[in-house]
């Protein structure tokens, strides 16, 4: 059965400026992707971010793959009120 990344990822305006994050955290998925791009293993990422699970990291990869495949636009970052 395919991993449903929405079980692990959320986008909420009040969290990290509306960027996609791992549910229940303030860890942006782009941070996890940057770690992977830098060569970190899933185990290293889990050590750095103990709130994450292996499934959450795989959900980030699945989200990125699907976004690239379908060119899913992300919501705009809301304007900051003075």
PDB file of N, CA and C in Angstrom:
ATOM      1  N   UNK A   1       0.846  -1.185   0.000  1.00  0.00           N
ATOM      2  CA  UNK A   1       0.000   0.000   0.000  1.00  0.00           C
ATOM      3  C   UNK A   1       0.892   1.249   0.000  1.00  0.00           C
ATOM      4  N   UNK A   2       0.541   2.236  -0.792  1.00  0.00           N
ATOM      5  CA  UNK A   2       1.315   3.476  -0.922  1.00  0.00           C
ATOM      6  C   UNK A   2       1.188   4.315   0.350  1.00  0.00           C
ATOM      7  N   UNK A   3       2.243   5.021   0.641  1.00  0.00           N
ATOM      8  CA  UNK A   3       2.279   5.904   1.804  1.00  0.00           C
ATOM      9  C   UNK A   3       1.447   7.149   1.514  1.00  0.00           C
ATOM     10  N   UNK A   4       0.529   7.478   2.401  1.00  0.00           N
ATOM     11  CA  UNK A   4      -0.246   8.705   2.269  1.00  0.00           C
ATOM     12  C   UNK A   4       0.493   9.806   3.034  1.00  0.00           C
ATOM     13  N   UNK A   5       1.200  10.658   2.290  1.00  0.00           N
ATOM     14  CA  UNK A   5       2.019  11.664   2.952  1.00  0.00           C
ATOM     15  C   UNK A   5       1.205  12.658   3.761  1.00  0.00           C
ATOM     16  N   UNK A   6      -0.066  12.844   3.439  1.00  0.00           N
ATOM     17  CA  UNK A   6      -0.890  13.781   4.217  1.00  0.00           C
ATOM     18  C   UNK A   6      -1.159  13.263   5.621  1.00  0.00           C
ATOM     19  N   UNK A   7      -0.845  11.999   5.894  1.00  0.00           N
ATOM     20  CA  UNK A   7      -0.934  11.494   7.261  1.00  0.00           C
ATOM     21  C   UNK A   7       0.191  12.071   8.120  1.00  0.00           C
ATOM     22  N   UNK A   8       1.233  12.597   7.492  1.00  0.00           N
ATOM     23  CA  UNK A   8       2.432  13.069   8.188  1.00  0.00           C
ATOM     24  C   UNK A   8       2.747  14.544   7.959  1.00  0.00           C
ATOM     25  N   UNK A   9       2.118  15.157   6.980  1.00  0.00           N
ATOM     26  CA  UNK A   9       2.444  16.538   6.592  1.00  0.00           C
ATOM     27  C   UNK A   9       1.196  17.402   6.696  1.00  0.00           C
ATOM     28  N   UNK A  10       1.409  18.624   7.142  1.00  0.00           N
ATOM     29  CA  UNK A  10       0.290  19.570   7.186  1.00  0.00           C
ATOM     30  C   UNK A  10       0.755  20.950   6.746  1.00  0.00           C
ATOM     31  N   UNK A  11      -0.200  21.720   6.281  1.00  0.00           N
ATOM     32  CA  UNK A  11       0.040  23.119   5.901  1.00  0.00           C
ATOM     33  C   UNK A  11      -1.004  23.940   6.640  1.00  0.00           C
ATOM     34  N   UNK A  12      -0.513  24.759   7.587  1.00  0.00           N
ATOM     35  CA  UNK A  12      -1.417  25.611   8.355  1.00  0.00           C
ATOM     36  C   UNK A  12      -0.835  27.011   8.395  1.00  0.00           C
ATOM     37  N   UNK A  13      -1.676  27.974   8.144  1.00  0.00           N
ATOM     38  CA  UNK A  13      -1.232  29.369   8.045  1.00  0.00           C
ATOM     39  C   UNK A  13      -0.464  29.825   9.273  1.00  0.00           C
ATOM     40  N   UNK A  14      -0.847  29.414  10.450  1.00  0.00           N
ATOM     41  CA  UNK A  14      -0.211  29.883  11.665  1.00  0.00           C
ATOM     42  C   UNK A  14       1.075  29.162  12.038  1.00  0.00           C
ATOM     43  N   UNK A  15       1.492  28.204  11.245  1.00  0.00           N
ATOM     44  CA  UNK A  15       2.699  27.431  11.559  1.00  0.00           C
ATOM     45  C   UNK A  15       3.719  27.636  10.450  1.00  0.00           C
ATOM     46  N   UNK A  16       4.875  28.173  10.816  1.00  0.00           N
ATOM     47  CA  UNK A  16       5.994  28.368   9.871  1.00  0.00           C
ATOM     48  C   UNK A  16       5.566  29.088   8.597  1.00  0.00           C
ATOM     49  N   UNK A  17       4.734  30.100   8.742  1.00  0.00           N
ATOM     50  CA  UNK A  17       4.332  30.909   7.604  1.00  0.00           C
ATOM     51  C   UNK A  17       3.565  30.153   6.535  1.00  0.00           C
ATOM     52  N   UNK A  18       2.908  29.062   6.917  1.00  0.00           N
ATOM     53  CA  UNK A  18       2.130  28.296   5.950  1.00  0.00           C
ATOM     54  C   UNK A  18       2.943  27.310   5.133  1.00  0.00           C
ATOM     55  N   UNK A  19       4.211  27.122   5.495  1.00  0.00           N
ATOM     56  CA  UNK A  19       5.027  26.129   4.799  1.00  0.00           C
ATOM     57  C   UNK A  19       4.596  24.730   5.229  1.00  0.00           C
ATOM     58  N   UNK A  20       4.748  23.737   4.351  1.00  0.00           N
ATOM     59  CA  UNK A  20       4.454  22.360   4.767  1.00  0.00           C
ATOM     60  C   UNK A  20       5.432  21.925   5.856  1.00  0.00           C
ATOM     61  N   UNK A  21       4.882  21.353   6.918  1.00  0.00           N
ATOM     62  CA  UNK A  21       5.683  20.867   8.041  1.00  0.00           C
ATOM     63  C   UNK A  21       5.251  19.448   8.392  1.00  0.00           C
ATOM     64  N   UNK A  22       6.079  18.785   9.194  1.00  0.00           N
ATOM     65  CA  UNK A  22       5.696  17.493   9.731  1.00  0.00           C
ATOM     66  C   UNK A  22       4.623  17.747  10.791  1.00  0.00           C
ATOM     67  N   UNK A  23       3.515  16.999  10.708  1.00  0.00           N
ATOM     68  CA  UNK A  23       2.408  17.197  11.648  1.00  0.00           C
ATOM     69  C   UNK A  23       2.894  17.158  13.087  1.00  0.00           C
ATOM     70  N   UNK A  24       2.345  18.069  13.877  1.00  0.00           N
ATOM     71  CA  UNK A  24       2.658  18.111  15.295  1.00  0.00           C
ATOM     72  C   UNK A  24       4.013  18.717  15.617  1.00  0.00           C
ATOM     73  N   UNK A  25       4.698  19.265  14.587  1.00  0.00           N
ATOM     74  CA  UNK A  25       6.004  19.878  14.804  1.00  0.00           C
ATOM     75  C   UNK A  25       6.057  21.205  14.059  1.00  0.00           C
ATOM     76  N   UNK A  26       7.175  21.854  14.177  1.00  0.00           N
ATOM     77  CA  UNK A  26       7.452  23.051  13.379  1.00  0.00           C
ATOM     78  C   UNK A  26       8.639  22.761  12.463  1.00  0.00           C
ATOM     79  N   UNK A  27       8.797  21.514  12.097  1.00  0.00           N
ATOM     80  CA  UNK A  27       9.900  21.112  11.231  1.00  0.00           C
ATOM     81  C   UNK A  27       9.425  21.178   9.782  1.00  0.00           C
ATOM     82  N   UNK A  28       9.906  22.163   9.020  1.00  0.00           N
ATOM     83  CA  UNK A  28       9.495  22.274   7.618  1.00  0.00           C
ATOM     84  C   UNK A  28      10.017  21.089   6.799  1.00  0.00           C
ATOM     85  N   UNK A  29       9.225  20.665   5.829  1.00  0.00           N
ATOM     86  CA  UNK A  29       9.689  19.545   5.010  1.00  0.00           C
ATOM     87  C   UNK A  29      10.921  19.932   4.214  1.00  0.00           C
ATOM     88  N   UNK A  30      11.073  21.216   3.894  1.00  0.00           N
ATOM     89  CA  UNK A  30      12.258  21.598   3.130  1.00  0.00           C
ATOM     90  C   UNK A  30      13.530  21.448   3.959  1.00  0.00           C
ATOM     91  N   UNK A  31      13.422  21.518   5.281  1.00  0.00           N
ATOM     92  CA  UNK A  31      14.574  21.258   6.136  1.00  0.00           C
ATOM     93  C   UNK A  31      14.989  19.789   6.032  1.00  0.00           C
ATOM     94  N   UNK A  32      14.005  18.904   6.058  1.00  0.00           N
ATOM     95  CA  UNK A  32      14.289  17.470   5.932  1.00  0.00           C
ATOM     96  C   UNK A  32      14.866  17.180   4.548  1.00  0.00           C
ATOM     97  N   UNK A  33      14.293  17.789   3.515  1.00  0.00           N
ATOM     98  CA  UNK A  33      14.818  17.592   2.155  1.00  0.00           C
ATOM     99  C   UNK A  33      16.239  18.122   2.028  1.00  0.00           C
ATOM    100  N   UNK A  34      16.531  19.249   2.669  1.00  0.00           N
ATOM    101  CA  UNK A  34      17.887  19.791   2.620  1.00  0.00           C
ATOM    102  C   UNK A  34      18.872  18.839   3.289  1.00  0.00           C
ATOM    103  N   UNK A  35      18.463  18.233   4.384  1.00  0.00           N
ATOM    104  CA  UNK A  35      19.324  17.239   5.048  1.00  0.00           C
ATOM    105  C   UNK A  35      19.587  16.055   4.122  1.00  0.00           C
ATOM    106  N   UNK A  36      18.554  15.571   3.473  1.00  0.00           N
ATOM    107  CA  UNK A  36      18.721  14.453   2.536  1.00  0.00           C
ATOM    108  C   UNK A  36      19.626  14.849   1.376  1.00  0.00           C
ATOM    109  N   UNK A  37      19.430  16.055   0.854  1.00  0.00           N
ATOM    110  CA  UNK A  37      20.248  16.528  -0.262  1.00  0.00           C
ATOM    111  C   UNK A  37      21.708  16.683   0.144  1.00  0.00           C
ATOM    112  N   UNK A  38      21.941  16.983   1.418  1.00  0.00           N
ATOM    113  CA  UNK A  38      23.304  17.135   1.912  1.00  0.00           C
ATOM    114  C   UNK A  38      23.969  15.781   2.161  1.00  0.00           C
ATOM    115  N   UNK A  39      23.197  14.701   2.015  1.00  0.00           N
ATOM    116  CA  UNK A  39      23.765  13.366   2.178  1.00  0.00           C
ATOM    117  C   UNK A  39      23.462  12.699   3.499  1.00  0.00           C
ATOM    118  N   UNK A  40      22.672  13.347   4.344  1.00  0.00           N
ATOM    119  CA  UNK A  40      22.320  12.726   5.620  1.00  0.00           C
ATOM    120  C   UNK A  40      21.455  11.492   5.380  1.00  0.00           C
ATOM    121  N   UNK A  41      21.656  10.486   6.204  1.00  0.00           N
ATOM    122  CA  UNK A  41      20.819   9.292   6.147  1.00  0.00           C
ATOM    123  C   UNK A  41      19.556   9.538   6.962  1.00  0.00           C
ATOM    124  N   UNK A  42      18.570   8.685   6.786  1.00  0.00           N
ATOM    125  CA  UNK A  42      17.352   8.800   7.591  1.00  0.00           C
ATOM    126  C   UNK A  42      17.711   8.690   9.068  1.00  0.00           C
ATOM    127  N   UNK A  43      18.630   7.807   9.399  1.00  0.00           N
ATOM    128  CA  UNK A  43      19.034   7.628  10.795  1.00  0.00           C
ATOM    129  C   UNK A  43      19.646   8.919  11.359  1.00  0.00           C
ATOM    130  N   UNK A  44      20.469   9.596  10.565  1.00  0.00           N
ATOM    131  CA  UNK A  44      21.067  10.857  11.020  1.00  0.00           C
ATOM    132  C   UNK A  44      20.001  11.935  11.220  1.00  0.00           C
ATOM    133  N   UNK A  45      19.034  11.971  10.321  1.00  0.00           N
ATOM    134  CA  UNK A  45      17.939  12.943  10.448  1.00  0.00           C
ATOM    135  C   UNK A  45      17.126  12.669  11.707  1.00  0.00           C
ATOM    136  N   UNK A  46      16.878  11.399  11.990  1.00  0.00           N
ATOM    137  CA  UNK A  46      16.120  11.036  13.190  1.00  0.00           C
ATOM    138  C   UNK A  46      16.890  11.398  14.461  1.00  0.00           C
ATOM    139  N   UNK A  47      18.203  11.310  14.428  1.00  0.00           N
ATOM    140  CA  UNK A  47      19.009  11.726  15.575  1.00  0.00           C
ATOM    141  C   UNK A  47      18.937  13.240  15.766  1.00  0.00           C
ATOM    142  N   UNK A  48      18.977  13.977  14.657  1.00  0.00           N
ATOM    143  CA  UNK A  48      18.933  15.445  14.708  1.00  0.00           C
ATOM    144  C   UNK A  48      17.549  15.961  15.108  1.00  0.00           C
ATOM    145  N   UNK A  49      16.507  15.256  14.660  1.00  0.00           N
ATOM    146  CA  UNK A  49      15.115  15.664  14.920  1.00  0.00           C
ATOM    147  C   UNK A  49      14.369  14.490  15.555  1.00  0.00           C
ATOM    148  N   UNK A  50      14.502  14.305  16.869  1.00  0.00           N
ATOM    149  CA  UNK A  50      13.921  13.126  17.520  1.00  0.00           C
ATOM    150  C   UNK A  50      12.396  13.042  17.469  1.00  0.00           C
ATOM    151  N   UNK A  51      11.717  14.130  17.106  1.00  0.00           N
ATOM    152  CA  UNK A  51      10.256  14.070  16.976  1.00  0.00           C
ATOM    153  C   UNK A  51       9.820  13.360  15.692  1.00  0.00           C
ATOM    154  N   UNK A  52      10.749  13.196  14.758  1.00  0.00           N
ATOM    155  CA  UNK A  52      10.414  12.559  13.488  1.00  0.00           C
ATOM    156  C   UNK A  52      10.449  11.045  13.613  1.00  0.00           C
ATOM    157  N   UNK A  53       9.760  10.404  12.674  1.00  0.00           N
ATOM    158  CA  UNK A  53       9.778   8.951  12.548  1.00  0.00           C
ATOM    159  C   UNK A  53      10.298   8.610  11.160  1.00  0.00           C
ATOM    160  N   UNK A  54      10.741   7.378  10.952  1.00  0.00           N
ATOM    161  CA  UNK A  54      11.157   6.995   9.599  1.00  0.00           C
ATOM    162  C   UNK A  54      10.034   7.196   8.581  1.00  0.00           C
ATOM    163  N   UNK A  55       8.800   6.920   8.989  1.00  0.00           N
ATOM    164  CA  UNK A  55       7.660   7.099   8.083  1.00  0.00           C
ATOM    165  C   UNK A  55       7.467   8.564   7.702  1.00  0.00           C
ATOM    166  N   UNK A  56       7.689   9.469   8.666  1.00  0.00           N
ATOM    167  CA  UNK A  56       7.556  10.900   8.373  1.00  0.00           C
ATOM    168  C   UNK A  56       8.594  11.337   7.350  1.00  0.00           C
ATOM    169  N   UNK A  57       9.818  10.833   7.466  1.00  0.00           N
ATOM    170  CA  UNK A  57      10.867  11.188   6.502  1.00  0.00           C
ATOM    171  C   UNK A  57      10.498  10.637   5.123  1.00  0.00           C
ATOM    172  N   UNK A  58      10.007   9.418   5.073  1.00  0.00           N
ATOM    173  CA  UNK A  58       9.574   8.857   3.780  1.00  0.00           C
ATOM    174  C   UNK A  58       8.388   9.635   3.215  1.00  0.00           C
ATOM    175  N   UNK A  59       7.523  10.143   4.092  1.00  0.00           N
ATOM    176  CA  UNK A  59       6.396  10.965   3.635  1.00  0.00           C
ATOM    177  C   UNK A  59       6.897  12.256   2.989  1.00  0.00           C
ATOM    178  N   UNK A  60       7.953  12.839   3.544  1.00  0.00           N
ATOM    179  CA  UNK A  60       8.552  14.040   2.956  1.00  0.00           C
ATOM    180  C   UNK A  60       9.061  13.735   1.548  1.00  0.00           C
ATOM    181  N   UNK A  61       9.717  12.612   1.394  1.00  0.00           N
ATOM    182  CA  UNK A  61      10.224  12.212   0.074  1.00  0.00           C
ATOM    183  C   UNK A  61       9.063  11.988  -0.891  1.00  0.00           C
ATOM    184  N   UNK A  62       8.016  11.325  -0.423  1.00  0.00           N
ATOM    185  CA  UNK A  62       6.844  11.070  -1.273  1.00  0.00           C
ATOM    186  C   UNK A  62       6.163  12.371  -1.672  1.00  0.00           C
ATOM    187  N   UNK A  63       6.048  13.310  -0.733  1.00  0.00           N
ATOM    188  CA  UNK A  63       5.446  14.610  -1.017  1.00  0.00           C
ATOM    189  C   UNK A  63       6.248  15.352  -2.087  1.00  0.00           C
ATOM    190  N   UNK A  64       7.570  15.354  -1.927  1.00  0.00           N
ATOM    191  CA  UNK A  64       8.426  16.040  -2.896  1.00  0.00           C
ATOM    192  C   UNK A  64       8.319  15.398  -4.270  1.00  0.00           C
ATOM    193  N   UNK A  65       8.291  14.088  -4.309  1.00  0.00           N
ATOM    194  CA  UNK A  65       8.176  13.390  -5.594  1.00  0.00           C
ATOM    195  C   UNK A  65       6.846  13.698  -6.261  1.00  0.00           C
ATOM    196  N   UNK A  66       5.782  13.673  -5.505  1.00  0.00           N
ATOM    197  CA  UNK A  66       4.458  13.958  -6.064  1.00  0.00           C
ATOM    198  C   UNK A  66       4.355  15.410  -6.498  1.00  0.00           C
ATOM    199  N   UNK A  67       4.913  16.319  -5.698  1.00  0.00           N
ATOM    200  CA  UNK A  67       4.889  17.742  -6.054  1.00  0.00           C
ATOM    201  C   UNK A  67       5.632  17.988  -7.355  1.00  0.00           C
ATOM    202  N   UNK A  68       6.775  17.342  -7.508  1.00  0.00           N
ATOM    203  CA  UNK A  68       7.546  17.503  -8.740  1.00  0.00           C
ATOM    204  C   UNK A  68       6.800  16.896  -9.922  1.00  0.00           C
ATOM    205  N   UNK A  69       6.164  15.764  -9.689  1.00  0.00           N
ATOM    206  CA  UNK A  69       5.453  15.079 -10.755  1.00  0.00           C
ATOM    207  C   UNK A  69       4.263  15.891 -11.242  1.00  0.00           C
ATOM    208  N   UNK A  70       3.504  16.416 -10.320  1.00  0.00           N
ATOM    209  CA  UNK A  70       2.268  17.120 -10.670  1.00  0.00           C
ATOM    210  C   UNK A  70       2.422  18.623 -10.673  1.00  0.00           C
ATOM    211  N   UNK A  71       3.611  19.124 -10.280  1.00  0.00           N
ATOM    212  CA  UNK A  71       3.845  20.556 -10.188  1.00  0.00           C
ATOM    213  C   UNK A  71       2.772  21.215  -9.341  1.00  0.00           C
ATOM    214  N   UNK A  72       2.585  20.656  -8.131  1.00  0.00           N
ATOM    215  CA  UNK A  72       1.587  21.172  -7.211  1.00  0.00           C
ATOM    216  C   UNK A  72       2.068  22.494  -6.634  1.00  0.00           C
ATOM    217  N   UNK A  73       1.339  23.568  -6.863  1.00  0.00           N
ATOM    218  CA  UNK A  73       1.776  24.850  -6.292  1.00  0.00           C
ATOM    219  C   UNK A  73       1.501  24.873  -4.785  1.00  0.00           C
ATOM    220  N   UNK A  74       2.423  25.451  -4.054  1.00  0.00           N
ATOM    221  CA  UNK A  74       2.224  25.619  -2.621  1.00  0.00           C
ATOM    222  C   UNK A  74       1.475  26.925  -2.394  1.00  0.00           C
ATOM    223  N   UNK A  75       0.728  26.995  -1.308  1.00  0.00           N
ATOM    224  CA  UNK A  75       0.007  28.252  -1.040  1.00  0.00           C
ATOM    225  C   UNK A  75       1.006  29.378  -0.806  1.00  0.00           C
ATOM    226  N   UNK A  76       0.623  30.597  -1.163  1.00  0.00           N
ATOM    227  CA  UNK A  76       1.533  31.729  -0.934  1.00  0.00           C
ATOM    228  C   UNK A  76       1.747  31.952   0.557  1.00  0.00           C
ATOM    229  N   UNK A  77       2.909  32.472   0.880  1.00  0.00           N
ATOM    230  CA  UNK A  77       3.200  32.804   2.274  1.00  0.00           C
ATOM    231  C   UNK A  77       2.383  34.036   2.633  1.00  0.00           C
ATOM    232  N   UNK A  78       1.634  33.963   3.729  1.00  0.00           N
ATOM    233  CA  UNK A  78       0.792  35.111   4.088  1.00  0.00           C
ATOM    234  C   UNK A  78       1.640  36.335   4.444  1.00  0.00           C
ATOM    235  N   UNK A  79       1.087  37.495   4.191  1.00  0.00           N
ATOM    236  CA  UNK A  79       1.765  38.742   4.529  1.00  0.00           C
ATOM    237  C   UNK A  79       1.848  38.880   6.047  1.00  0.00           C
ATOM    238  N   UNK A  80       2.955  39.404   6.506  1.00  0.00           N
ATOM    239  CA  UNK A  80       3.146  39.629   7.942  1.00  0.00           C
ATOM    240  C   UNK A  80       2.523  40.962   8.292  1.00  0.00           C
ATOM    241  N   UNK A  81       1.676  40.934   9.316  1.00  0.00           N
ATOM    242  CA  UNK A  81       1.031  42.172   9.743  1.00  0.00           C
ATOM    243  C   UNK A  81       1.966  42.944  10.666  1.00  0.00           C
ATOM    244  N   UNK A  82       2.043  44.248  10.465  1.00  0.00           N
ATOM    245  CA  UNK A  82       2.945  45.064  11.317  1.00  0.00           C
ATOM    246  C   UNK A  82       2.486  45.118  12.742  1.00  0.00           C
TER     247      UNK A  82
END
